[in-house]
Amino acid sequence: MLDRYNTIGIVAATYVAEDSLVTCTNKFSKNPNLVGRTWKFTYSINGDNLHWKVLNKNGAVINEGDSKRVKD
């Protein structure tokens, strides 16, 4: 169980959304070095699909992925 806990990122943040750009500021983190850190991502929605891209401080995409809504 401890192995799984060590791989999970736990963060609480404030979010400001402007169009499809979201700016997040970490207020709490399991890792104290992440508290106060700001990061940004963009997103697009198509039906039940969400596509997101995490941006670096220069606005370049450093990670992206898809999330899908699970239906009952």
Protein backbone atom coordinates (compact mmCIF):
# COMPACT_ATOMS: atom_id res chain seq x y z
CA MET A 1 0.00 0.00 0.00
CA LEU A 2 2.85 2.41 0.81
CA ASP A 3 4.28 1.85 -2.70
CA ARG A 4 1.03 3.10 -4.24
CA TYR A 5 0.91 6.13 -1.92
CA ASN A 6 4.44 7.08 -2.95
CA THR A 7 3.42 7.18 -6.65
CA ILE A 8 0.29 9.32 -6.20
CA GLY A 9 0.47 13.09 -6.47
CA ILE A 10 -1.86 14.83 -4.03
CA VAL A 11 -2.42 18.53 -4.68
CA ALA A 12 -5.12 21.09 -3.85
CA ALA A 13 -5.02 24.26 -5.90
CA THR A 14 -6.88 27.38 -6.94
CA TYR A 15 -7.82 27.61 -10.59
CA VAL A 16 -8.41 30.58 -12.89
CA ALA A 17 -9.97 29.71 -16.26
CA GLU A 18 -9.80 32.10 -19.21
CA ASP A 19 -11.35 30.56 -22.32
CA SER A 20 -9.52 27.22 -22.65
CA LEU A 21 -6.43 28.23 -20.62
CA VAL A 22 -6.40 27.24 -16.94
CA THR A 23 -3.84 28.62 -14.48
CA CYS A 24 -3.42 26.59 -11.29
CA THR A 25 -1.65 27.64 -8.08
CA ASN A 26 -0.88 24.84 -5.64
CA LYS A 27 -2.11 25.60 -2.11
CA PHE A 28 -1.39 22.14 -0.64
CA SER A 29 0.73 19.24 -1.77
CA LYS A 30 2.01 15.97 -0.40
CA ASN A 31 5.34 17.33 -1.65
CA PRO A 32 6.03 20.63 0.18
CA ASN A 33 8.26 21.80 -2.69
CA LEU A 34 5.17 22.08 -4.89
CA VAL A 35 3.22 24.44 -2.58
CA GLY A 36 2.94 27.88 -4.21
CA ARG A 37 3.98 26.59 -7.63
CA THR A 38 1.88 27.81 -10.56
CA TRP A 39 1.27 25.77 -13.71
CA LYS A 40 -0.98 26.02 -16.77
CA PHE A 41 -2.91 23.75 -19.07
CA THR A 42 -5.26 24.08 -22.01
CA TYR A 43 -8.20 21.84 -22.79
CA SER A 44 -10.78 21.07 -25.44
CA ILE A 45 -14.03 19.14 -25.07
CA ASN A 46 -15.67 17.04 -27.76
CA GLY A 47 -18.76 15.21 -26.52
CA ASP A 48 -17.66 13.00 -23.60
CA ASN A 49 -13.97 13.44 -24.41
CA LEU A 50 -11.61 15.94 -22.77
CA HIS A 51 -8.20 16.59 -24.31
CA TRP A 52 -5.67 18.46 -22.12
CA LYS A 53 -2.17 19.83 -22.63
CA VAL A 54 0.16 20.89 -19.81
CA LEU A 55 2.34 23.89 -20.71
CA ASN A 56 5.78 24.92 -19.51
CA LYS A 57 6.57 28.52 -18.49
CA ASN A 58 7.26 29.40 -22.13
CA GLY A 59 3.90 28.01 -23.29
CA ALA A 60 5.29 24.89 -24.97
CA VAL A 61 3.37 21.62 -24.50
CA ILE A 62 5.22 19.29 -22.11
CA ASN A 63 2.51 16.66 -21.61
CA GLU A 64 -0.91 15.88 -23.02
CA GLY A 65 -3.61 13.30 -22.77
CA ASP A 66 -7.26 12.41 -22.99
CA SER A 67 -9.91 11.83 -20.37
CA LYS A 68 -13.24 10.21 -21.09
CA ARG A 69 -16.44 10.36 -19.10
CA VAL A 70 -17.57 6.97 -17.85
CA LYS A 71 -21.29 6.39 -18.28
CA ASP A 72 -23.42 4.34 -15.89
